Amino acid sequence: MDAQKVDMYIMSNAKFFESHHVNAIREQLLAADDSKWVGLQALPLKEPTTSLIISILGGQLGIDRFYIGDTGLGIGKLLTCGGLGIWAIVDWFMIMGATREKNMNLLQQALA
């Protein structure tokens, strides 16, 4: 892909990924075929800040995990009321990183 397109993509979407992954993403995008560009633009990346807000407001019901696509963990949190509240509180600190990791996995699948 064109370096200018890749840099614009990185600038506009860096918040969706862990900062230590950005250089690897840039290298993968530069090596990718131009035919993947349209698919990358349409990726449904999840906003980490939104997942944190959902976690604070509905974490005991597992809504945060359902939002990022962790259906199994969402059901577990729903059935245990957020691990009696403990799991819900722990997720306040971990959900943004989990969201960014899910976004990274989604990008990897799109580039494969």
Protein backbone atom coordinates (compact mmCIF):
# COMPACT_ATOMS: atom_id res chain seq x y z
CA MET A 1 0.00 0.00 0.00
CA ASP A 2 0.93 3.60 -0.39
CA ALA A 3 2.85 4.97 2.62
CA GLN A 4 0.73 8.12 2.73
CA LYS A 5 -2.52 6.10 2.92
CA VAL A 6 -1.04 3.91 5.63
CA ASP A 7 0.09 6.89 7.69
CA MET A 8 -3.35 8.51 7.42
CA TYR A 9 -4.98 5.25 8.50
CA ILE A 10 -2.62 4.99 11.49
CA MET A 11 -3.23 8.62 12.52
CA SER A 12 -7.00 8.28 12.39
CA ASN A 13 -7.21 4.82 13.98
CA ALA A 14 -4.30 4.63 16.46
CA LYS A 15 -6.67 5.04 19.42
CA PHE A 16 -8.24 1.67 18.58
CA PHE A 17 -4.96 -0.23 19.12
CA GLU A 18 -2.31 -0.64 21.80
CA SER A 19 0.51 1.86 21.29
CA HIS A 20 3.15 -0.87 21.13
CA HIS A 21 1.30 -2.46 18.17
CA VAL A 22 1.23 0.64 15.97
CA ASN A 23 4.65 0.08 14.36
CA ALA A 24 3.82 -3.55 13.57
CA ILE A 25 0.48 -2.48 12.11
CA ARG A 26 2.23 0.07 9.93
CA GLU A 27 4.66 -2.53 8.59
CA GLN A 28 1.85 -5.01 7.89
CA LEU A 29 -0.19 -2.36 6.09
CA LEU A 30 2.78 -1.31 3.96
CA ALA A 31 3.31 -4.94 2.95
CA ALA A 32 -0.39 -5.57 2.27
CA ASP A 33 -2.00 -5.63 -1.14
CA ASP A 34 -3.98 -2.55 -2.28
CA SER A 35 -7.07 -4.72 -2.72
CA LYS A 36 -7.39 -4.97 1.08
CA TRP A 37 -7.73 -1.20 1.49
CA VAL A 38 -11.52 -1.05 1.06
CA GLY A 39 -11.98 -3.85 3.59
CA LEU A 40 -9.78 -2.07 6.12
CA GLN A 41 -11.83 1.10 5.84
CA ALA A 42 -15.00 -0.87 6.61
CA LEU A 43 -13.68 -2.70 9.70
CA PRO A 44 -16.07 -2.29 12.65
CA LEU A 45 -13.44 -1.27 15.22
CA LYS A 46 -14.74 -0.81 18.76
CA GLU A 47 -14.02 2.38 20.70
CA PRO A 48 -12.09 1.58 23.93
CA THR A 49 -13.56 4.58 25.79
CA THR A 50 -17.08 3.46 24.93
CA SER A 51 -16.31 -0.01 26.26
CA LEU A 52 -15.09 1.55 29.54
CA ILE A 53 -18.29 3.58 29.90
CA ILE A 54 -20.37 0.48 29.19
CA SER A 55 -18.28 -1.45 31.70
CA ILE A 56 -18.88 1.13 34.42
CA LEU A 57 -22.62 1.33 33.74
CA GLY A 58 -23.45 -2.27 32.82
CA GLY A 59 -20.41 -4.33 33.71
CA GLN A 60 -22.23 -6.48 36.24
CA LEU A 61 -24.54 -7.67 33.49
CA GLY A 62 -21.66 -8.45 31.11
CA ILE A 63 -22.78 -5.87 28.56
CA ASP A 64 -19.19 -4.68 28.13
CA ARG A 65 -18.04 -8.16 27.14
CA PHE A 66 -20.95 -8.60 24.76
CA TYR A 67 -20.02 -5.23 23.18
CA ILE A 68 -16.47 -6.33 22.32
CA GLY A 69 -17.55 -9.78 21.16
CA ASP A 70 -16.61 -11.91 24.18
CA THR A 71 -19.96 -13.66 24.32
CA GLY A 72 -18.79 -16.45 26.63
CA LEU A 73 -17.35 -14.02 29.18
CA GLY A 74 -20.45 -11.86 28.85
CA ILE A 75 -22.67 -14.80 29.74
CA GLY A 76 -20.37 -15.66 32.65
CA LYS A 77 -20.59 -12.13 34.02
CA LEU A 78 -24.34 -12.07 33.49
CA LEU A 79 -24.91 -15.32 35.38
CA THR A 80 -22.61 -14.38 38.28
CA CYS A 81 -23.65 -10.71 38.50
CA GLY A 82 -20.17 -9.65 37.47
CA GLY A 83 -18.47 -12.20 39.70
CA LEU A 84 -20.37 -10.78 42.68
CA GLY A 85 -19.12 -7.36 41.64
CA ILE A 86 -15.42 -8.19 41.80
CA TRP A 87 -15.08 -9.20 38.15
CA ALA A 88 -16.98 -6.08 37.13
CA ILE A 89 -14.57 -3.83 39.04
CA VAL A 90 -11.50 -5.62 37.65
CA ASP A 91 -12.88 -5.13 34.14
CA TRP A 92 -12.98 -1.36 34.68
CA PHE A 93 -9.18 -1.51 34.48
CA MET A 94 -8.88 -4.21 31.81
CA ILE A 95 -11.70 -3.62 29.33
CA MET A 96 -9.94 -0.91 27.29
CA GLY A 97 -6.93 -3.17 26.70
CA ALA A 98 -9.22 -6.10 25.86
CA THR A 99 -11.06 -3.90 23.35
CA ARG A 100 -7.80 -2.86 21.70
CA GLU A 101 -6.67 -6.51 21.51
CA LYS A 102 -9.97 -7.46 19.86
CA ASN A 103 -9.46 -4.65 17.35
CA MET A 104 -5.94 -5.94 16.64
CA ASN A 105 -7.28 -9.46 16.05
CA LEU A 106 -9.91 -8.07 13.70
CA LEU A 107 -7.25 -6.19 11.73
CA GLN A 108 -5.06 -9.31 11.56
CA GLN A 109 -7.98 -11.29 10.13
CA ALA A 110 -8.66 -8.60 7.54
CA LEU A 111 -5.03 -8.60 6.42
CA ALA A 112 -4.74 -12.40 6.24
